[in-house]
Amino acid sequence: MYFFLLPFFVFFFLFQKQVKRSD
């Protein structure tokens, strides 16, 4: 079950990092 959340968290983290960089 956690395995399914793992990739989700990574995607969210990368997305947030890009958004912060755009700022």
Protein backbone atom coordinates (compact mmCIF):
# COMPACT_ATOMS: atom_id res chain seq x y z
CA MET A 1 0.00 0.00 0.00
CA TYR A 2 2.76 2.39 0.94
CA PHE A 3 4.49 1.61 -2.31
CA PHE A 4 1.69 3.33 -4.14
CA LEU A 5 2.16 6.47 -2.05
CA LEU A 6 5.90 6.49 -2.50
CA PRO A 7 5.87 7.56 -6.18
CA PHE A 8 3.08 10.00 -5.43
CA PHE A 9 5.16 11.77 -2.81
CA VAL A 10 8.15 11.94 -5.12
CA PHE A 11 6.03 13.49 -7.84
CA PHE A 12 4.61 16.04 -5.43
CA PHE A 13 8.06 16.88 -4.11
CA LEU A 14 9.47 17.43 -7.59
CA PHE A 15 6.49 19.52 -8.58
CA GLN A 16 6.84 21.74 -5.53
CA LYS A 17 10.55 22.17 -6.19
CA GLN A 18 9.87 23.31 -9.74
CA VAL A 19 7.20 25.74 -8.59
CA LYS A 20 9.55 27.23 -6.03
CA ARG A 21 12.25 27.58 -8.66
CA SER A 22 9.84 29.38 -10.99
CA ASP A 23 9.17 31.87 -8.24
